[in-house]
């Protein structure tokens, strides 16, 4: 991950990641990576603006710095990736 991307992620998360870890109650989260989860639904809920199904959902993966529990956040909603337009 580039320093620029790390900074952009931290700015996007500022004020949004405020709840403690559901697993252990810890408040510190580590940035793991930007990931894309494949969409395998027969009737996809995620579609492009023209109605065609999306093949993946871009997400930011965080891990609790204490117990390692993962959290996923929408990379589009955080403004890290532009929404798919087809």
PDB file of N, CA and C in Angstrom:
ATOM      1  N   UNK A   1       0.836  -1.168   0.000  1.00  0.00           N
ATOM      2  CA  UNK A   1       0.000   0.000   0.000  1.00  0.00           C
ATOM      3  C   UNK A   1       0.888   1.241   0.000  1.00  0.00           C
ATOM      4  N   UNK A   2       0.549   2.178  -0.841  1.00  0.00           N
ATOM      5  CA  UNK A   2       1.345   3.401  -0.938  1.00  0.00           C
ATOM      6  C   UNK A   2       1.043   4.315   0.255  1.00  0.00           C
ATOM      7  N   UNK A   3       1.980   5.193   0.595  1.00  0.00           N
ATOM      8  CA  UNK A   3       1.714   6.161   1.672  1.00  0.00           C
ATOM      9  C   UNK A   3       0.511   7.054   1.356  1.00  0.00           C
ATOM     10  N   UNK A   4       0.331   7.390   0.076  1.00  0.00           N
ATOM     11  CA  UNK A   4      -0.803   8.230  -0.319  1.00  0.00           C
ATOM     12  C   UNK A   4      -2.129   7.521  -0.069  1.00  0.00           C
ATOM     13  N   UNK A   5      -2.183   6.227  -0.407  1.00  0.00           N
ATOM     14  CA  UNK A   5      -3.407   5.456  -0.181  1.00  0.00           C
ATOM     15  C   UNK A   5      -3.664   5.297   1.314  1.00  0.00           C
ATOM     16  N   UNK A   6      -2.627   5.047   2.077  1.00  0.00           N
ATOM     17  CA  UNK A   6      -2.761   4.928   3.524  1.00  0.00           C
ATOM     18  C   UNK A   6      -3.343   6.208   4.116  1.00  0.00           C
ATOM     19  N   UNK A   7      -2.841   7.351   3.677  1.00  0.00           N
ATOM     20  CA  UNK A   7      -3.346   8.643   4.152  1.00  0.00           C
ATOM     21  C   UNK A   7      -4.802   8.838   3.752  1.00  0.00           C
ATOM     22  N   UNK A   8      -5.141   8.509   2.511  1.00  0.00           N
ATOM     23  CA  UNK A   8      -6.520   8.654   2.035  1.00  0.00           C
ATOM     24  C   UNK A   8      -7.471   7.773   2.847  1.00  0.00           C
ATOM     25  N   UNK A   9      -7.041   6.559   3.164  1.00  0.00           N
ATOM     26  CA  UNK A   9      -7.869   5.641   3.956  1.00  0.00           C
ATOM     27  C   UNK A   9      -8.080   6.210   5.357  1.00  0.00           C
ATOM     28  N   UNK A  10      -7.007   6.663   5.973  1.00  0.00           N
ATOM     29  CA  UNK A  10      -7.122   7.197   7.336  1.00  0.00           C
ATOM     30  C   UNK A  10      -8.037   8.427   7.377  1.00  0.00           C
ATOM     31  N   UNK A  11      -7.954   9.271   6.350  1.00  0.00           N
ATOM     32  CA  UNK A  11      -8.831  10.439   6.289  1.00  0.00           C
ATOM     33  C   UNK A  11     -10.286  10.018   6.078  1.00  0.00           C
ATOM     34  N   UNK A  12     -10.505   9.011   5.238  1.00  0.00           N
ATOM     35  CA  UNK A  12     -11.863   8.537   4.979  1.00  0.00           C
ATOM     36  C   UNK A  12     -12.490   7.911   6.227  1.00  0.00           C
ATOM     37  N   UNK A  13     -11.670   7.268   7.039  1.00  0.00           N
ATOM     38  CA  UNK A  13     -12.175   6.597   8.237  1.00  0.00           C
ATOM     39  C   UNK A  13     -12.351   7.534   9.428  1.00  0.00           C
ATOM     40  N   UNK A  14     -11.721   8.682   9.382  1.00  0.00           N
ATOM     41  CA  UNK A  14     -11.772   9.609  10.517  1.00  0.00           C
ATOM     42  C   UNK A  14     -13.220   9.918  10.897  1.00  0.00           C
ATOM     43  N   UNK A  15     -13.561   9.609  12.131  1.00  0.00           N
ATOM     44  CA  UNK A  15     -14.905   9.870  12.623  1.00  0.00           C
ATOM     45  C   UNK A  15     -15.934   8.828  12.252  1.00  0.00           C
ATOM     46  N   UNK A  16     -15.551   7.838  11.441  1.00  0.00           N
ATOM     47  CA  UNK A  16     -16.509   6.811  11.015  1.00  0.00           C
ATOM     48  C   UNK A  16     -16.315   5.501  11.759  1.00  0.00           C
ATOM     49  N   UNK A  17     -15.088   5.172  12.074  1.00  0.00           N
ATOM     50  CA  UNK A  17     -14.819   3.927  12.790  1.00  0.00           C
ATOM     51  C   UNK A  17     -14.673   4.283  14.266  1.00  0.00           C
ATOM     52  N   UNK A  18     -15.804   4.312  14.949  1.00  0.00           N
ATOM     53  CA  UNK A  18     -15.793   4.759  16.343  1.00  0.00           C
ATOM     54  C   UNK A  18     -16.230   3.671  17.320  1.00  0.00           C
ATOM     55  N   UNK A  19     -16.874   2.635  16.832  1.00  0.00           N
ATOM     56  CA  UNK A  19     -17.328   1.574  17.717  1.00  0.00           C
ATOM     57  C   UNK A  19     -16.179   0.623  18.033  1.00  0.00           C
ATOM     58  N   UNK A  20     -16.180   0.088  19.244  1.00  0.00           N
ATOM     59  CA  UNK A  20     -15.126  -0.872  19.597  1.00  0.00           C
ATOM     60  C   UNK A  20     -15.337  -2.208  18.886  1.00  0.00           C
ATOM     61  N   UNK A  21     -14.337  -3.039  18.930  1.00  0.00           N
ATOM     62  CA  UNK A  21     -14.390  -4.371  18.344  1.00  0.00           C
ATOM     63  C   UNK A  21     -15.501  -5.189  18.999  1.00  0.00           C
ATOM     64  N   UNK A  22     -16.285  -5.861  18.184  1.00  0.00           N
ATOM     65  CA  UNK A  22     -17.371  -6.695  18.692  1.00  0.00           C
ATOM     66  C   UNK A  22     -16.838  -7.937  19.408  1.00  0.00           C
ATOM     67  N   UNK A  23     -15.610  -8.318  19.101  1.00  0.00           N
ATOM     68  CA  UNK A  23     -15.033  -9.520  19.689  1.00  0.00           C
ATOM     69  C   UNK A  23     -14.407  -9.305  21.053  1.00  0.00           C
ATOM     70  N   UNK A  24     -13.683  -8.183  21.215  1.00  0.00           N
ATOM     71  CA  UNK A  24     -12.920  -8.006  22.453  1.00  0.00           C
ATOM     72  C   UNK A  24     -13.090  -6.635  23.105  1.00  0.00           C
ATOM     73  N   UNK A  25     -13.760  -5.703  22.425  1.00  0.00           N
ATOM     74  CA  UNK A  25     -13.961  -4.376  22.993  1.00  0.00           C
ATOM     75  C   UNK A  25     -12.824  -3.392  22.765  1.00  0.00           C
ATOM     76  N   UNK A  26     -11.772  -3.825  22.062  1.00  0.00           N
ATOM     77  CA  UNK A  26     -10.613  -2.976  21.783  1.00  0.00           C
ATOM     78  C   UNK A  26     -11.022  -1.870  20.808  1.00  0.00           C
ATOM     79  N   UNK A  27     -10.317  -0.742  20.838  1.00  0.00           N
ATOM     80  CA  UNK A  27     -10.669   0.402  19.987  1.00  0.00           C
ATOM     81  C   UNK A  27      -9.682   0.678  18.858  1.00  0.00           C
ATOM     82  N   UNK A  28      -8.631  -0.093  18.710  1.00  0.00           N
ATOM     83  CA  UNK A  28      -7.642   0.186  17.671  1.00  0.00           C
ATOM     84  C   UNK A  28      -7.795  -0.800  16.519  1.00  0.00           C
ATOM     85  N   UNK A  29      -7.835  -0.241  15.300  1.00  0.00           N
ATOM     86  CA  UNK A  29      -8.007  -1.044  14.091  1.00  0.00           C
ATOM     87  C   UNK A  29      -6.806  -0.859  13.179  1.00  0.00           C
ATOM     88  N   UNK A  30      -6.333  -1.958  12.580  1.00  0.00           N
ATOM     89  CA  UNK A  30      -5.244  -1.915  11.609  1.00  0.00           C
ATOM     90  C   UNK A  30      -5.828  -1.986  10.203  1.00  0.00           C
ATOM     91  N   UNK A  31      -5.266  -1.195   9.293  1.00  0.00           N
ATOM     92  CA  UNK A  31      -5.655  -1.272   7.886  1.00  0.00           C
ATOM     93  C   UNK A  31      -4.974  -2.498   7.295  1.00  0.00           C
ATOM     94  N   UNK A  32      -5.764  -3.396   6.723  1.00  0.00           N
ATOM     95  CA  UNK A  32      -5.201  -4.605   6.127  1.00  0.00           C
ATOM     96  C   UNK A  32      -4.963  -4.386   4.637  1.00  0.00           C
ATOM     97  N   UNK A  33      -6.035  -4.091   3.889  1.00  0.00           N
ATOM     98  CA  UNK A  33      -5.895  -3.934   2.434  1.00  0.00           C
ATOM     99  C   UNK A  33      -7.241  -3.556   1.832  1.00  0.00           C
ATOM    100  N   UNK A  34      -7.203  -3.029   0.616  1.00  0.00           N
ATOM    101  CA  UNK A  34      -8.409  -2.901  -0.195  1.00  0.00           C
ATOM    102  C   UNK A  34      -8.605  -4.249  -0.879  1.00  0.00           C
ATOM    103  N   UNK A  35      -9.822  -4.790  -0.801  1.00  0.00           N
ATOM    104  CA  UNK A  35     -10.111  -6.094  -1.386  1.00  0.00           C
ATOM    105  C   UNK A  35     -11.371  -5.985  -2.236  1.00  0.00           C
ATOM    106  N   UNK A  36     -11.601  -6.978  -3.071  1.00  0.00           N
ATOM    107  CA  UNK A  36     -12.824  -7.046  -3.872  1.00  0.00           C
ATOM    108  C   UNK A  36     -13.429  -8.430  -3.682  1.00  0.00           C
ATOM    109  N   UNK A  37     -14.614  -8.458  -3.109  1.00  0.00           N
ATOM    110  CA  UNK A  37     -15.307  -9.728  -2.901  1.00  0.00           C
ATOM    111  C   UNK A  37     -16.128 -10.053  -4.140  1.00  0.00           C
ATOM    112  N   UNK A  38     -16.005 -11.272  -4.664  1.00  0.00           N
ATOM    113  CA  UNK A  38     -16.792 -11.632  -5.843  1.00  0.00           C
ATOM    114  C   UNK A  38     -18.278 -11.732  -5.509  1.00  0.00           C
ATOM    115  N   UNK A  39     -19.099 -11.312  -6.444  1.00  0.00           N
ATOM    116  CA  UNK A  39     -20.546 -11.423  -6.296  1.00  0.00           C
ATOM    117  C   UNK A  39     -20.969 -12.713  -6.993  1.00  0.00           C
ATOM    118  N   UNK A  40     -21.548 -13.636  -6.235  1.00  0.00           N
ATOM    119  CA  UNK A  40     -21.929 -14.933  -6.802  1.00  0.00           C
ATOM    120  C   UNK A  40     -23.426 -15.189  -6.721  1.00  0.00           C
ATOM    121  N   UNK A  41     -24.182 -14.181  -6.349  1.00  0.00           N
ATOM    122  CA  UNK A  41     -25.620 -14.296  -6.204  1.00  0.00           C
ATOM    123  C   UNK A  41     -26.291 -14.566  -7.551  1.00  0.00           C
ATOM    124  N   UNK A  42     -27.296 -15.433  -7.564  1.00  0.00           N
ATOM    125  CA  UNK A  42     -28.027 -15.708  -8.804  1.00  0.00           C
ATOM    126  C   UNK A  42     -28.824 -14.480  -9.224  1.00  0.00           C
ATOM    127  N   UNK A  43     -29.444 -13.816  -8.261  1.00  0.00           N
ATOM    128  CA  UNK A  43     -30.177 -12.576  -8.528  1.00  0.00           C
ATOM    129  C   UNK A  43     -29.397 -11.455  -7.840  1.00  0.00           C
ATOM    130  N   UNK A  44     -28.374 -10.912  -8.517  1.00  0.00           N
ATOM    131  CA  UNK A  44     -27.469  -9.960  -7.847  1.00  0.00           C
ATOM    132  C   UNK A  44     -28.171  -8.713  -7.334  1.00  0.00           C
ATOM    133  N   UNK A  45     -27.809  -8.350  -6.114  1.00  0.00           N
ATOM    134  CA  UNK A  45     -28.328  -7.123  -5.524  1.00  0.00           C
ATOM    135  C   UNK A  45     -27.460  -5.930  -5.917  1.00  0.00           C
ATOM    136  N   UNK A  46     -26.245  -6.203  -6.369  1.00  0.00           N
ATOM    137  CA  UNK A  46     -25.325  -5.143  -6.777  1.00  0.00           C
ATOM    138  C   UNK A  46     -25.302  -5.089  -8.296  1.00  0.00           C
ATOM    139  N   UNK A  47     -25.714  -3.952  -8.836  1.00  0.00           N
ATOM    140  CA  UNK A  47     -25.770  -3.808 -10.288  1.00  0.00           C
ATOM    141  C   UNK A  47     -25.158  -2.483 -10.706  1.00  0.00           C
ATOM    142  N   UNK A  48     -24.733  -2.429 -11.971  1.00  0.00           N
ATOM    143  CA  UNK A  48     -24.273  -1.178 -12.543  1.00  0.00           C
ATOM    144  C   UNK A  48     -25.486  -0.305 -12.849  1.00  0.00           C
ATOM    145  N   UNK A  49     -25.238   0.932 -13.197  1.00  0.00           N
ATOM    146  CA  UNK A  49     -26.345   1.856 -13.483  1.00  0.00           C
ATOM    147  C   UNK A  49     -27.201   1.407 -14.661  1.00  0.00           C
ATOM    148  N   UNK A  50     -26.613   0.626 -15.579  1.00  0.00           N
ATOM    149  CA  UNK A  50     -27.404   0.153 -16.716  1.00  0.00           C
ATOM    150  C   UNK A  50     -28.159  -1.140 -16.397  1.00  0.00           C
ATOM    151  N   UNK A  51     -28.067  -1.620 -15.156  1.00  0.00           N
ATOM    152  CA  UNK A  51     -28.800  -2.812 -14.752  1.00  0.00           C
ATOM    153  C   UNK A  51     -28.028  -4.109 -14.856  1.00  0.00           C
ATOM    154  N   UNK A  52     -26.843  -4.097 -15.457  1.00  0.00           N
ATOM    155  CA  UNK A  52     -26.062  -5.329 -15.559  1.00  0.00           C
ATOM    156  C   UNK A  52     -25.411  -5.640 -14.212  1.00  0.00           C
ATOM    157  N   UNK A  53     -25.251  -6.932 -13.887  1.00  0.00           N
ATOM    158  CA  UNK A  53     -24.722  -7.292 -12.569  1.00  0.00           C
ATOM    159  C   UNK A  53     -23.247  -6.941 -12.403  1.00  0.00           C
ATOM    160  N   UNK A  54     -22.884  -6.538 -11.204  1.00  0.00           N
ATOM    161  CA  UNK A  54     -21.487  -6.272 -10.872  1.00  0.00           C
ATOM    162  C   UNK A  54     -20.804  -7.602 -10.571  1.00  0.00           C
ATOM    163  N   UNK A  55     -19.524  -7.710 -10.846  1.00  0.00           N
ATOM    164  CA  UNK A  55     -18.800  -8.957 -10.609  1.00  0.00           C
ATOM    165  C   UNK A  55     -18.103  -8.993  -9.261  1.00  0.00           C
ATOM    166  N   UNK A  56     -17.921  -7.828  -8.631  1.00  0.00           N
ATOM    167  CA  UNK A  56     -17.278  -7.787  -7.322  1.00  0.00           C
ATOM    168  C   UNK A  56     -17.683  -6.525  -6.574  1.00  0.00           C
ATOM    169  N   UNK A  57     -17.442  -6.559  -5.261  1.00  0.00           N
ATOM    170  CA  UNK A  57     -17.733  -5.406  -4.410  1.00  0.00           C
ATOM    171  C   UNK A  57     -16.425  -4.963  -3.763  1.00  0.00           C
ATOM    172  N   UNK A  58     -15.945  -3.738  -4.066  1.00  0.00           N
ATOM    173  CA  UNK A  58     -14.692  -3.265  -3.465  1.00  0.00           C
ATOM    174  C   UNK A  58     -14.898  -2.875  -2.010  1.00  0.00           C
ATOM    175  N   UNK A  59     -14.001  -3.363  -1.147  1.00  0.00           N
ATOM    176  CA  UNK A  59     -14.123  -3.112   0.286  1.00  0.00           C
ATOM    177  C   UNK A  59     -12.766  -2.811   0.900  1.00  0.00           C
ATOM    178  N   UNK A  60     -12.803  -2.078   2.006  1.00  0.00           N
ATOM    179  CA  UNK A  60     -11.632  -1.857   2.822  1.00  0.00           C
ATOM    180  C   UNK A  60     -11.697  -2.862   3.961  1.00  0.00           C
ATOM    181  N   UNK A  61     -10.630  -3.613   4.147  1.00  0.00           N
ATOM    182  CA  UNK A  61     -10.570  -4.628   5.194  1.00  0.00           C
ATOM    183  C   UNK A  61      -9.746  -4.094   6.360  1.00  0.00           C
ATOM    184  N   UNK A  62     -10.356  -4.060   7.549  1.00  0.00           N
ATOM    185  CA  UNK A  62      -9.671  -3.662   8.776  1.00  0.00           C
ATOM    186  C   UNK A  62      -9.612  -4.867   9.702  1.00  0.00           C
ATOM    187  N   UNK A  63      -8.608  -4.902  10.578  1.00  0.00           N
ATOM    188  CA  UNK A  63      -8.497  -5.956  11.583  1.00  0.00           C
ATOM    189  C   UNK A  63      -8.289  -5.326  12.948  1.00  0.00           C
ATOM    190  N   UNK A  64      -8.954  -5.878  13.945  1.00  0.00           N
ATOM    191  CA  UNK A  64      -8.757  -5.417  15.315  1.00  0.00           C
ATOM    192  C   UNK A  64      -7.294  -5.650  15.688  1.00  0.00           C
ATOM    193  N   UNK A  65      -6.667  -4.630  16.245  1.00  0.00           N
ATOM    194  CA  UNK A  65      -5.255  -4.726  16.606  1.00  0.00           C
ATOM    195  C   UNK A  65      -5.022  -5.661  17.791  1.00  0.00           C
ATOM    196  N   UNK A  66      -6.088  -6.037  18.476  1.00  0.00           N
ATOM    197  CA  UNK A  66      -5.949  -6.922  19.626  1.00  0.00           C
ATOM    198  C   UNK A  66      -6.276  -8.377  19.289  1.00  0.00           C
ATOM    199  N   UNK A  67      -7.483  -8.638  18.775  1.00  0.00           N
ATOM    200  CA  UNK A  67      -7.908 -10.032  18.556  1.00  0.00           C
ATOM    201  C   UNK A  67      -7.913 -10.458  17.097  1.00  0.00           C
ATOM    202  N   UNK A  68      -7.794  -9.506  16.156  1.00  0.00           N
ATOM    203  CA  UNK A  68      -7.745  -9.852  14.741  1.00  0.00           C
ATOM    204  C   UNK A  68      -9.091  -9.972  14.052  1.00  0.00           C
ATOM    205  N   UNK A  69     -10.182  -9.657  14.737  1.00  0.00           N
ATOM    206  CA  UNK A  69     -11.493  -9.693  14.109  1.00  0.00           C
ATOM    207  C   UNK A  69     -11.493  -8.766  12.893  1.00  0.00           C
ATOM    208  N   UNK A  70     -12.076  -9.211  11.777  1.00  0.00           N
ATOM    209  CA  UNK A  70     -12.124  -8.394  10.566  1.00  0.00           C
ATOM    210  C   UNK A  70     -13.405  -7.572  10.496  1.00  0.00           C
ATOM    211  N   UNK A  71     -13.279  -6.379   9.921  1.00  0.00           N
ATOM    212  CA  UNK A  71     -14.407  -5.535   9.541  1.00  0.00           C
ATOM    213  C   UNK A  71     -14.220  -5.131   8.091  1.00  0.00           C
ATOM    214  N   UNK A  72     -15.332  -5.090   7.363  1.00  0.00           N
ATOM    215  CA  UNK A  72     -15.313  -4.645   5.960  1.00  0.00           C
ATOM    216  C   UNK A  72     -16.104  -3.347   5.850  1.00  0.00           C
ATOM    217  N   UNK A  73     -15.567  -2.398   5.090  1.00  0.00           N
ATOM    218  CA  UNK A  73     -16.250  -1.138   4.807  1.00  0.00           C
ATOM    219  C   UNK A  73     -16.292  -0.941   3.298  1.00  0.00           C
ATOM    220  N   UNK A  74     -17.370  -0.372   2.807  1.00  0.00           N
ATOM    221  CA  UNK A  74     -17.501  -0.106   1.378  1.00  0.00           C
ATOM    222  C   UNK A  74     -16.446   0.904   0.940  1.00  0.00           C
ATOM    223  N   UNK A  75     -15.600   0.506   0.006  1.00  0.00           N
ATOM    224  CA  UNK A  75     -14.571   1.413  -0.515  1.00  0.00           C
ATOM    225  C   UNK A  75     -15.205   2.541  -1.329  1.00  0.00           C
ATOM    226  N   UNK A  76     -16.344   2.263  -1.949  1.00  0.00           N
ATOM    227  CA  UNK A  76     -17.054   3.295  -2.707  1.00  0.00           C
ATOM    228  C   UNK A  76     -17.658   4.310  -1.747  1.00  0.00           C
ATOM    229  N   UNK A  77     -18.328   3.828  -0.710  1.00  0.00           N
ATOM    230  CA  UNK A  77     -18.984   4.723   0.254  1.00  0.00           C
ATOM    231  C   UNK A  77     -17.967   5.596   0.982  1.00  0.00           C
ATOM    232  N   UNK A  78     -16.768   5.061   1.214  1.00  0.00           N
ATOM    233  CA  UNK A  78     -15.709   5.842   1.856  1.00  0.00           C
ATOM    234  C   UNK A  78     -15.028   6.808   0.896  1.00  0.00           C
ATOM    235  N   UNK A  79     -15.341   6.718  -0.399  1.00  0.00           N
ATOM    236  CA  UNK A  79     -14.755   7.613  -1.394  1.00  0.00           C
ATOM    237  C   UNK A  79     -13.367   7.192  -1.848  1.00  0.00           C
ATOM    238  N   UNK A  80     -12.984   5.944  -1.579  1.00  0.00           N
ATOM    239  CA  UNK A  80     -11.656   5.453  -1.969  1.00  0.00           C
ATOM    240  C   UNK A  80     -11.627   4.960  -3.408  1.00  0.00           C
ATOM    241  N   UNK A  81     -12.792   4.556  -3.904  1.00  0.00           N
ATOM    242  CA  UNK A  81     -12.922   4.048  -5.268  1.00  0.00           C
ATOM    243  C   UNK A  81     -14.172   4.665  -5.864  1.00  0.00           C
ATOM    244  N   UNK A  82     -14.114   5.037  -7.121  1.00  0.00           N
ATOM    245  CA  UNK A  82     -15.267   5.619  -7.785  1.00  0.00           C
ATOM    246  C   UNK A  82     -16.310   4.531  -8.054  1.00  0.00           C
ATOM    247  N   UNK A  83     -17.600   4.882  -7.950  1.00  0.00           N
ATOM    248  CA  UNK A  83     -18.651   3.885  -8.235  1.00  0.00           C
ATOM    249  C   UNK A  83     -18.555   3.397  -9.673  1.00  0.00           C
ATOM    250  N   UNK A  84     -18.925   2.139  -9.851  1.00  0.00           N
ATOM    251  CA  UNK A  84     -18.910   1.546 -11.192  1.00  0.00           C
ATOM    252  C   UNK A  84     -19.991   2.189 -12.043  1.00  0.00           C
ATOM    253  N   UNK A  85     -19.610   2.601 -13.226  1.00  0.00           N
ATOM    254  CA  UNK A  85     -20.554   3.163 -14.186  1.00  0.00           C
ATOM    255  C   UNK A  85     -20.360   2.400 -15.474  1.00  0.00           C
ATOM    256  N   UNK A  86     -21.420   1.866 -15.981  1.00  0.00           N
ATOM    257  CA  UNK A  86     -21.324   1.087 -17.209  1.00  0.00           C
ATOM    258  C   UNK A  86     -22.310   1.576 -18.217  1.00  0.00           C
TER     259      UNK A  86
END
